[in-house]
C-alpha cells in the first residue's frame, strides 16, 4: 500500500505508523465526566468503508497525515497534513 505524503510524495506504508482514528473528538477540558474520558480513550468503531485515519511519517518528513482510506479495499482516497505548519507546507 502506498500513502501519498503531501510533503514527500508516494511512499510505502512501511515508512508510516498508524496513530489512530481521525474522527475522534477530545472532550472539553471543562467536562469532568469520567464517562466522557473513558469513551474518548477506549470506545472505538470498526467501520466498513471510507474512514479517516491519522498516520505518522516517522521514516520520512515526520509529519502527521490525515488519510481517508477505504477499510475494505485499502484504497487511499485522500491525504492531508495535520498540525500547525500544515497550511504553510506545500509539495
PDB file of N, CA and C in Angstrom:
ATOM      1  N   UNK A   1       0.857  -1.175   0.000  1.00  0.00           N
ATOM      2  CA  UNK A   1       0.000   0.000   0.000  1.00  0.00           C
ATOM      3  C   UNK A   1       0.901   1.235   0.000  1.00  0.00           C
ATOM      4  N   UNK A   2       0.581   2.199  -0.851  1.00  0.00           N
ATOM      5  CA  UNK A   2       1.309   3.463  -0.922  1.00  0.00           C
ATOM      6  C   UNK A   2       0.484   4.578  -0.298  1.00  0.00           C
ATOM      7  N   UNK A   3       1.115   5.389   0.524  1.00  0.00           N
ATOM      8  CA  UNK A   3       0.479   6.575   1.086  1.00  0.00           C
ATOM      9  C   UNK A   3       1.143   7.777   0.437  1.00  0.00           C
ATOM     10  N   UNK A   4       0.326   8.648  -0.129  1.00  0.00           N
ATOM     11  CA  UNK A   4       0.838   9.828  -0.827  1.00  0.00           C
ATOM     12  C   UNK A   4       1.047  10.957   0.181  1.00  0.00           C
ATOM     13  N   UNK A   5       2.229  11.001   0.774  1.00  0.00           N
ATOM     14  CA  UNK A   5       2.556  12.045   1.745  1.00  0.00           C
ATOM     15  C   UNK A   5       2.514  13.397   1.033  1.00  0.00           C
ATOM     16  N   UNK A   6       1.760  14.363   1.549  1.00  0.00           N
ATOM     17  CA  UNK A   6       1.691  15.673   0.899  1.00  0.00           C
ATOM     18  C   UNK A   6       3.047  16.377   0.824  1.00  0.00           C
ATOM     19  N   UNK A   7       3.992  15.993   1.665  1.00  0.00           N
ATOM     20  CA  UNK A   7       5.303  16.633   1.682  1.00  0.00           C
ATOM     21  C   UNK A   7       6.330  15.849   0.867  1.00  0.00           C
ATOM     22  N   UNK A   8       6.337  14.518   0.992  1.00  0.00           N
ATOM     23  CA  UNK A   8       7.378  13.683   0.379  1.00  0.00           C
ATOM     24  C   UNK A   8       6.950  12.966  -0.894  1.00  0.00           C
ATOM     25  N   UNK A   9       5.653  12.899  -1.148  1.00  0.00           N
ATOM     26  CA  UNK A   9       5.162  12.147  -2.296  1.00  0.00           C
ATOM     27  C   UNK A   9       4.800  10.722  -1.905  1.00  0.00           C
ATOM     28  N   UNK A  10       4.469   9.875  -2.880  1.00  0.00           N
ATOM     29  CA  UNK A  10       4.058   8.498  -2.587  1.00  0.00           C
ATOM     30  C   UNK A  10       5.179   7.709  -1.913  1.00  0.00           C
ATOM     31  N   UNK A  11       4.838   7.068  -0.795  1.00  0.00           N
ATOM     32  CA  UNK A  11       5.800   6.275  -0.039  1.00  0.00           C
ATOM     33  C   UNK A  11       5.136   4.971   0.420  1.00  0.00           C
ATOM     34  N   UNK A  12       5.948   3.960   0.638  1.00  0.00           N
ATOM     35  CA  UNK A  12       5.464   2.668   1.118  1.00  0.00           C
ATOM     36  C   UNK A  12       4.903   2.813   2.536  1.00  0.00           C
ATOM     37  N   UNK A  13       3.905   2.026   2.837  1.00  0.00           N
ATOM     38  CA  UNK A  13       3.270   2.080   4.157  1.00  0.00           C
ATOM     39  C   UNK A  13       4.254   1.723   5.273  1.00  0.00           C
ATOM     40  N   UNK A  14       5.357   1.025   4.953  1.00  0.00           N
ATOM     41  CA  UNK A  14       6.346   0.678   5.969  1.00  0.00           C
ATOM     42  C   UNK A  14       7.014   1.907   6.580  1.00  0.00           C
ATOM     43  N   UNK A  15       6.974   3.057   5.893  1.00  0.00           N
ATOM     44  CA  UNK A  15       7.561   4.288   6.432  1.00  0.00           C
ATOM     45  C   UNK A  15       6.650   4.972   7.446  1.00  0.00           C
ATOM     46  N   UNK A  16       5.413   4.505   7.576  1.00  0.00           N
ATOM     47  CA  UNK A  16       4.402   5.168   8.393  1.00  0.00           C
ATOM     48  C   UNK A  16       4.010   4.312   9.593  1.00  0.00           C
ATOM     49  N   UNK A  17       3.496   4.980  10.608  1.00  0.00           N
ATOM     50  CA  UNK A  17       2.922   4.316  11.775  1.00  0.00           C
ATOM     51  C   UNK A  17       1.481   4.778  11.913  1.00  0.00           C
ATOM     52  N   UNK A  18       0.566   3.826  12.056  1.00  0.00           N
ATOM     53  CA  UNK A  18      -0.841   4.153  12.276  1.00  0.00           C
ATOM     54  C   UNK A  18      -0.991   4.751  13.668  1.00  0.00           C
ATOM     55  N   UNK A  19      -1.596   5.929  13.756  1.00  0.00           N
ATOM     56  CA  UNK A  19      -1.726   6.626  15.037  1.00  0.00           C
ATOM     57  C   UNK A  19      -3.149   6.652  15.572  1.00  0.00           C
ATOM     58  N   UNK A  20      -4.129   6.212  14.779  1.00  0.00           N
ATOM     59  CA  UNK A  20      -5.471   6.116  15.331  1.00  0.00           C
ATOM     60  C   UNK A  20      -6.562   6.696  14.450  1.00  0.00           C
ATOM     61  N   UNK A  21      -7.738   6.668  15.015  1.00  0.00           N
ATOM     62  CA  UNK A  21      -8.958   7.140  14.367  1.00  0.00           C
ATOM     63  C   UNK A  21      -8.903   8.654  14.196  1.00  0.00           C
ATOM     64  N   UNK A  22      -9.106   9.126  12.982  1.00  0.00           N
ATOM     65  CA  UNK A  22      -9.060  10.552  12.691  1.00  0.00           C
ATOM     66  C   UNK A  22     -10.371  11.277  12.922  1.00  0.00           C
ATOM     67  N   UNK A  23     -11.383  10.573  13.416  1.00  0.00           N
ATOM     68  CA  UNK A  23     -12.687  11.211  13.628  1.00  0.00           C
ATOM     69  C   UNK A  23     -12.980  11.501  15.097  1.00  0.00           C
ATOM     70  N   UNK A  24     -12.101  11.056  16.004  1.00  0.00           N
ATOM     71  CA  UNK A  24     -12.366  11.250  17.436  1.00  0.00           C
ATOM     72  C   UNK A  24     -12.235  12.714  17.838  1.00  0.00           C
ATOM     73  N   UNK A  25     -13.092  13.137  18.737  1.00  0.00           N
ATOM     74  CA  UNK A  25     -13.048  14.498  19.290  1.00  0.00           C
ATOM     75  C   UNK A  25     -12.790  14.400  20.787  1.00  0.00           C
ATOM     76  N   UNK A  26     -11.733  15.073  21.237  1.00  0.00           N
ATOM     77  CA  UNK A  26     -11.374  15.074  22.653  1.00  0.00           C
ATOM     78  C   UNK A  26     -12.464  15.810  23.439  1.00  0.00           C
ATOM     79  N   UNK A  27     -12.856  15.297  24.615  1.00  0.00           N
ATOM     80  CA  UNK A  27     -13.842  16.008  25.437  1.00  0.00           C
ATOM     81  C   UNK A  27     -13.297  17.371  25.869  1.00  0.00           C
ATOM     82  N   UNK A  28     -14.185  18.320  26.064  1.00  0.00           N
ATOM     83  CA  UNK A  28     -13.789  19.654  26.517  1.00  0.00           C
ATOM     84  C   UNK A  28     -13.111  19.555  27.883  1.00  0.00           C
ATOM     85  N   UNK A  29     -12.150  20.436  28.133  1.00  0.00           N
ATOM     86  CA  UNK A  29     -11.454  20.427  29.420  1.00  0.00           C
ATOM     87  C   UNK A  29     -12.404  20.690  30.586  1.00  0.00           C
ATOM     88  N   UNK A  30     -13.479  21.416  30.310  1.00  0.00           N
ATOM     89  CA  UNK A  30     -14.449  21.711  31.368  1.00  0.00           C
ATOM     90  C   UNK A  30     -15.324  20.504  31.693  1.00  0.00           C
ATOM     91  N   UNK A  31     -15.326  19.493  30.837  1.00  0.00           N
ATOM     92  CA  UNK A  31     -16.124  18.286  31.059  1.00  0.00           C
ATOM     93  C   UNK A  31     -15.357  17.348  31.984  1.00  0.00           C
ATOM     94  N   UNK A  32     -15.779  17.243  33.217  1.00  0.00           N
ATOM     95  CA  UNK A  32     -15.089  16.419  34.211  1.00  0.00           C
ATOM     96  C   UNK A  32     -15.676  15.006  34.292  1.00  0.00           C
ATOM     97  N   UNK A  33     -16.505  14.634  33.333  1.00  0.00           N
ATOM     98  CA  UNK A  33     -17.167  13.338  33.352  1.00  0.00           C
ATOM     99  C   UNK A  33     -16.171  12.211  33.056  1.00  0.00           C
ATOM    100  N   UNK A  34     -16.123  11.242  33.949  1.00  0.00           N
ATOM    101  CA  UNK A  34     -15.257  10.086  33.733  1.00  0.00           C
ATOM    102  C   UNK A  34     -15.761   9.257  32.559  1.00  0.00           C
ATOM    103  N   UNK A  35     -17.071   9.265  32.329  1.00  0.00           N
ATOM    104  CA  UNK A  35     -17.632   8.517  31.200  1.00  0.00           C
ATOM    105  C   UNK A  35     -17.166   9.099  29.870  1.00  0.00           C
ATOM    106  N   UNK A  36     -17.097  10.424  29.767  1.00  0.00           N
ATOM    107  CA  UNK A  36     -16.628  11.061  28.534  1.00  0.00           C
ATOM    108  C   UNK A  36     -15.156  10.752  28.300  1.00  0.00           C
ATOM    109  N   UNK A  37     -14.354  10.767  29.356  1.00  0.00           N
ATOM    110  CA  UNK A  37     -12.932  10.450  29.228  1.00  0.00           C
ATOM    111  C   UNK A  37     -12.730   8.990  28.832  1.00  0.00           C
ATOM    112  N   UNK A  38     -13.471   8.091  29.452  1.00  0.00           N
ATOM    113  CA  UNK A  38     -13.373   6.671  29.108  1.00  0.00           C
ATOM    114  C   UNK A  38     -13.796   6.415  27.666  1.00  0.00           C
ATOM    115  N   UNK A  39     -14.863   7.064  27.231  1.00  0.00           N
ATOM    116  CA  UNK A  39     -15.333   6.884  25.855  1.00  0.00           C
ATOM    117  C   UNK A  39     -14.284   7.369  24.862  1.00  0.00           C
ATOM    118  N   UNK A  40     -13.629   8.487  25.156  1.00  0.00           N
ATOM    119  CA  UNK A  40     -12.596   9.021  24.259  1.00  0.00           C
ATOM    120  C   UNK A  40     -11.401   8.073  24.163  1.00  0.00           C
ATOM    121  N   UNK A  41     -11.004   7.488  25.270  1.00  0.00           N
ATOM    122  CA  UNK A  41      -9.817   6.635  25.284  1.00  0.00           C
ATOM    123  C   UNK A  41     -10.104   5.226  24.771  1.00  0.00           C
ATOM    124  N   UNK A  42     -11.256   4.646  25.130  1.00  0.00           N
ATOM    125  CA  UNK A  42     -11.472   3.223  24.887  1.00  0.00           C
ATOM    126  C   UNK A  42     -12.498   2.865  23.810  1.00  0.00           C
ATOM    127  N   UNK A  43     -13.523   3.674  23.615  1.00  0.00           N
ATOM    128  CA  UNK A  43     -14.583   3.298  22.674  1.00  0.00           C
ATOM    129  C   UNK A  43     -14.137   3.518  21.234  1.00  0.00           C
ATOM    130  N   UNK A  44     -14.220   2.485  20.420  1.00  0.00           N
ATOM    131  CA  UNK A  44     -13.829   2.575  19.018  1.00  0.00           C
ATOM    132  C   UNK A  44     -14.865   1.907  18.139  1.00  0.00           C
ATOM    133  N   UNK A  45     -15.073   2.499  16.981  1.00  0.00           N
ATOM    134  CA  UNK A  45     -15.919   1.903  15.954  1.00  0.00           C
ATOM    135  C   UNK A  45     -15.028   1.033  15.074  1.00  0.00           C
ATOM    136  N   UNK A  46     -15.626   0.126  14.338  1.00  0.00           N
ATOM    137  CA  UNK A  46     -14.905  -0.679  13.366  1.00  0.00           C
ATOM    138  C   UNK A  46     -15.641  -0.526  12.034  1.00  0.00           C
ATOM    139  N   UNK A  47     -15.462   0.620  11.367  1.00  0.00           N
ATOM    140  CA  UNK A  47     -16.257   0.915  10.177  1.00  0.00           C
ATOM    141  C   UNK A  47     -15.833   0.079   8.973  1.00  0.00           C
ATOM    142  N   UNK A  48     -16.805  -0.235   8.145  1.00  0.00           N
ATOM    143  CA  UNK A  48     -16.541  -0.877   6.860  1.00  0.00           C
ATOM    144  C   UNK A  48     -16.780   0.182   5.790  1.00  0.00           C
ATOM    145  N   UNK A  49     -15.739   0.498   5.032  1.00  0.00           N
ATOM    146  CA  UNK A  49     -15.859   1.529   4.004  1.00  0.00           C
ATOM    147  C   UNK A  49     -14.895   2.667   4.263  1.00  0.00           C
ATOM    148  N   UNK A  50     -15.240   3.854   3.782  1.00  0.00           N
ATOM    149  CA  UNK A  50     -14.359   5.018   3.902  1.00  0.00           C
ATOM    150  C   UNK A  50     -14.228   5.448   5.369  1.00  0.00           C
ATOM    151  N   UNK A  51     -12.982   5.732   5.756  1.00  0.00           N
ATOM    152  CA  UNK A  51     -12.716   6.100   7.150  1.00  0.00           C
ATOM    153  C   UNK A  51     -11.511   7.036   7.207  1.00  0.00           C
ATOM    154  N   UNK A  52     -11.541   8.003   8.131  1.00  0.00           N
ATOM    155  CA  UNK A  52     -10.430   8.936   8.337  1.00  0.00           C
ATOM    156  C   UNK A  52      -9.495   8.361   9.401  1.00  0.00           C
ATOM    157  N   UNK A  53      -8.190   8.358   9.079  1.00  0.00           N
ATOM    158  CA  UNK A  53      -7.188   7.810   9.988  1.00  0.00           C
ATOM    159  C   UNK A  53      -6.010   8.780  10.094  1.00  0.00           C
ATOM    160  N   UNK A  54      -5.312   8.731  11.211  1.00  0.00           N
ATOM    161  CA  UNK A  54      -4.099   9.532  11.385  1.00  0.00           C
ATOM    162  C   UNK A  54      -2.896   8.606  11.265  1.00  0.00           C
ATOM    163  N   UNK A  55      -1.956   8.996  10.405  1.00  0.00           N
ATOM    164  CA  UNK A  55      -0.720   8.251  10.202  1.00  0.00           C
ATOM    165  C   UNK A  55       0.455   9.188  10.455  1.00  0.00           C
ATOM    166  N   UNK A  56       1.551   8.634  10.983  1.00  0.00           N
ATOM    167  CA  UNK A  56       2.763   9.409  11.244  1.00  0.00           C
ATOM    168  C   UNK A  56       3.853   8.938  10.290  1.00  0.00           C
ATOM    169  N   UNK A  57       4.450   9.878   9.560  1.00  0.00           N
ATOM    170  CA  UNK A  57       5.515   9.545   8.609  1.00  0.00           C
ATOM    171  C   UNK A  57       6.858   9.583   9.339  1.00  0.00           C
ATOM    172  N   UNK A  58       7.082   8.618  10.193  1.00  0.00           N
ATOM    173  CA  UNK A  58       8.260   8.575  11.047  1.00  0.00           C
ATOM    174  C   UNK A  58       9.563   8.357  10.295  1.00  0.00           C
ATOM    175  N   UNK A  59       9.535   7.619   9.200  1.00  0.00           N
ATOM    176  CA  UNK A  59      10.745   7.358   8.425  1.00  0.00           C
ATOM    177  C   UNK A  59      10.848   8.292   7.227  1.00  0.00           C
ATOM    178  N   UNK A  60      10.278   9.466   7.354  1.00  0.00           N
ATOM    179  CA  UNK A  60      10.325  10.462   6.292  1.00  0.00           C
ATOM    180  C   UNK A  60      10.347  11.850   6.895  1.00  0.00           C
ATOM    181  N   UNK A  61       9.353  12.650   6.555  1.00  0.00           N
ATOM    182  CA  UNK A  61       9.304  14.044   7.000  1.00  0.00           C
ATOM    183  C   UNK A  61       8.821  14.202   8.440  1.00  0.00           C
ATOM    184  N   UNK A  62       8.389  13.112   9.061  1.00  0.00           N
ATOM    185  CA  UNK A  62       7.926  13.074  10.452  1.00  0.00           C
ATOM    186  C   UNK A  62       6.630  13.850  10.677  1.00  0.00           C
ATOM    187  N   UNK A  63       5.876  14.054   9.612  1.00  0.00           N
ATOM    188  CA  UNK A  63       4.594  14.751   9.711  1.00  0.00           C
ATOM    189  C   UNK A  63       3.485  13.784  10.106  1.00  0.00           C
ATOM    190  N   UNK A  64       2.433  14.337  10.684  1.00  0.00           N
ATOM    191  CA  UNK A  64       1.205  13.583  10.905  1.00  0.00           C
ATOM    192  C   UNK A  64       0.286  13.881   9.731  1.00  0.00           C
ATOM    193  N   UNK A  65      -0.346  12.843   9.211  1.00  0.00           N
ATOM    194  CA  UNK A  65      -1.141  12.960   7.995  1.00  0.00           C
ATOM    195  C   UNK A  65      -2.526  12.386   8.251  1.00  0.00           C
ATOM    196  N   UNK A  66      -3.553  13.119   7.824  1.00  0.00           N
ATOM    197  CA  UNK A  66      -4.924  12.639   7.885  1.00  0.00           C
ATOM    198  C   UNK A  66      -5.208  11.921   6.571  1.00  0.00           C
ATOM    199  N   UNK A  67      -5.463  10.625   6.663  1.00  0.00           N
ATOM    200  CA  UNK A  67      -5.642   9.782   5.488  1.00  0.00           C
ATOM    201  C   UNK A  67      -7.083   9.290   5.445  1.00  0.00           C
ATOM    202  N   UNK A  68      -7.729   9.479   4.305  1.00  0.00           N
ATOM    203  CA  UNK A  68      -9.047   8.891   4.088  1.00  0.00           C
ATOM    204  C   UNK A  68      -8.812   7.604   3.313  1.00  0.00           C
ATOM    205  N   UNK A  69      -9.175   6.466   3.949  1.00  0.00           N
ATOM    206  CA  UNK A  69      -8.887   5.153   3.377  1.00  0.00           C
ATOM    207  C   UNK A  69     -10.124   4.282   3.441  1.00  0.00           C
ATOM    208  N   UNK A  70     -10.323   3.482   2.402  1.00  0.00           N
ATOM    209  CA  UNK A  70     -11.414   2.523   2.402  1.00  0.00           C
ATOM    210  C   UNK A  70     -10.912   1.282   3.135  1.00  0.00           C
ATOM    211  N   UNK A  71     -11.571   0.916   4.236  1.00  0.00           N
ATOM    212  CA  UNK A  71     -11.108  -0.198   5.053  1.00  0.00           C
ATOM    213  C   UNK A  71     -11.379  -1.555   4.411  1.00  0.00           C
ATOM    214  N   UNK A  72     -12.214  -1.606   3.392  1.00  0.00           N
ATOM    215  CA  UNK A  72     -12.479  -2.869   2.705  1.00  0.00           C
ATOM    216  C   UNK A  72     -11.469  -3.137   1.593  1.00  0.00           C
ATOM    217  N   UNK A  73     -11.108  -2.093   0.849  1.00  0.00           N
ATOM    218  CA  UNK A  73     -10.211  -2.254  -0.292  1.00  0.00           C
ATOM    219  C   UNK A  73      -8.797  -1.748  -0.004  1.00  0.00           C
ATOM    220  N   UNK A  74      -8.607  -1.016   1.078  1.00  0.00           N
ATOM    221  CA  UNK A  74      -7.348  -0.360   1.467  1.00  0.00           C
ATOM    222  C   UNK A  74      -6.933   0.723   0.478  1.00  0.00           C
ATOM    223  N   UNK A  75      -7.846   1.159  -0.369  1.00  0.00           N
ATOM    224  CA  UNK A  75      -7.539   2.235  -1.318  1.00  0.00           C
ATOM    225  C   UNK A  75      -7.467   3.560  -0.566  1.00  0.00           C
ATOM    226  N   UNK A  76      -6.389   4.314  -0.809  1.00  0.00           N
ATOM    227  CA  UNK A  76      -6.212   5.638  -0.212  1.00  0.00           C
ATOM    228  C   UNK A  76      -6.970   6.641  -1.081  1.00  0.00           C
ATOM    229  N   UNK A  77      -7.905   7.371  -0.476  1.00  0.00           N
ATOM    230  CA  UNK A  77      -8.740   8.320  -1.212  1.00  0.00           C
ATOM    231  C   UNK A  77      -8.207   9.740  -1.118  1.00  0.00           C
ATOM    232  N   UNK A  78      -7.589  10.110   0.003  1.00  0.00           N
ATOM    233  CA  UNK A  78      -7.012  11.448   0.138  1.00  0.00           C
ATOM    234  C   UNK A  78      -6.029  11.471   1.302  1.00  0.00           C
ATOM    235  N   UNK A  79      -5.107  12.433   1.249  1.00  0.00           N
ATOM    236  CA  UNK A  79      -4.112  12.631   2.309  1.00  0.00           C
ATOM    237  C   UNK A  79      -3.930  14.134   2.500  1.00  0.00           C
ATOM    238  N   UNK A  80      -3.847  14.567   3.765  1.00  0.00           N
ATOM    239  CA  UNK A  80      -3.561  15.972   4.051  1.00  0.00           C
ATOM    240  C   UNK A  80      -2.745  16.083   5.328  1.00  0.00           C
ATOM    241  N   UNK A  81      -1.890  17.086   5.373  1.00  0.00           N
ATOM    242  CA  UNK A  81      -1.051  17.306   6.545  1.00  0.00           C
ATOM    243  C   UNK A  81      -1.885  17.771   7.728  1.00  0.00           C
ATOM    244  N   UNK A  82      -1.454  17.397   8.918  1.00  0.00           N
ATOM    245  CA  UNK A  82      -2.068  17.862  10.157  1.00  0.00           C
ATOM    246  C   UNK A  82      -1.062  18.695  10.924  1.00  0.00           C
ATOM    247  N   UNK A  83      -1.542  19.566  11.767  1.00  0.00           N
ATOM    248  CA  UNK A  83      -0.660  20.316  12.641  1.00  0.00           C
ATOM    249  C   UNK A  83      -0.553  21.778  12.278  1.00  0.00           C
ATOM    250  N   UNK A  84       0.184  22.527  13.106  1.00  0.00           N
ATOM    251  CA  UNK A  84       0.248  23.977  12.951  1.00  0.00           C
ATOM    252  C   UNK A  84       0.961  24.431  11.679  1.00  0.00           C
ATOM    253  N   UNK A  85       1.809  23.601  11.100  1.00  0.00           N
ATOM    254  CA  UNK A  85       2.560  24.018   9.912  1.00  0.00           C
ATOM    255  C   UNK A  85       1.951  23.485   8.624  1.00  0.00           C
ATOM    256  N   UNK A  86       0.827  22.807   8.704  1.00  0.00           N
ATOM    257  CA  UNK A  86       0.251  22.179   7.520  1.00  0.00           C
ATOM    258  C   UNK A  86      -0.171  23.188   6.456  1.00  0.00           C
ATOM    259  N   UNK A  87      -0.619  24.381   6.846  1.00  0.00           N
ATOM    260  CA  UNK A  87      -1.067  25.378   5.868  1.00  0.00           C
ATOM    261  C   UNK A  87       0.105  25.941   5.077  1.00  0.00           C
ATOM    262  N   UNK A  88       1.276  26.027   5.682  1.00  0.00           N
ATOM    263  CA  UNK A  88       2.429  26.630   5.020  1.00  0.00           C
ATOM    264  C   UNK A  88       3.283  25.661   4.227  1.00  0.00           C
ATOM    265  N   UNK A  89       3.072  24.359   4.416  1.00  0.00           N
ATOM    266  CA  UNK A  89       3.898  23.372   3.732  1.00  0.00           C
ATOM    267  C   UNK A  89       3.210  22.911   2.460  1.00  0.00           C
ATOM    268  N   UNK A  90       3.876  23.087   1.373  1.00  0.00           N
ATOM    269  CA  UNK A  90       3.360  22.660   0.069  1.00  0.00           C
ATOM    270  C   UNK A  90       4.363  21.710  -0.553  1.00  0.00           C
ATOM    271  N   UNK A  91       3.876  20.852  -1.392  1.00  0.00           N
ATOM    272  CA  UNK A  91       4.716  19.910  -2.110  1.00  0.00           C
ATOM    273  C   UNK A  91       5.588  20.623  -3.106  1.00  0.00           C
TER     274      UNK A  91
END
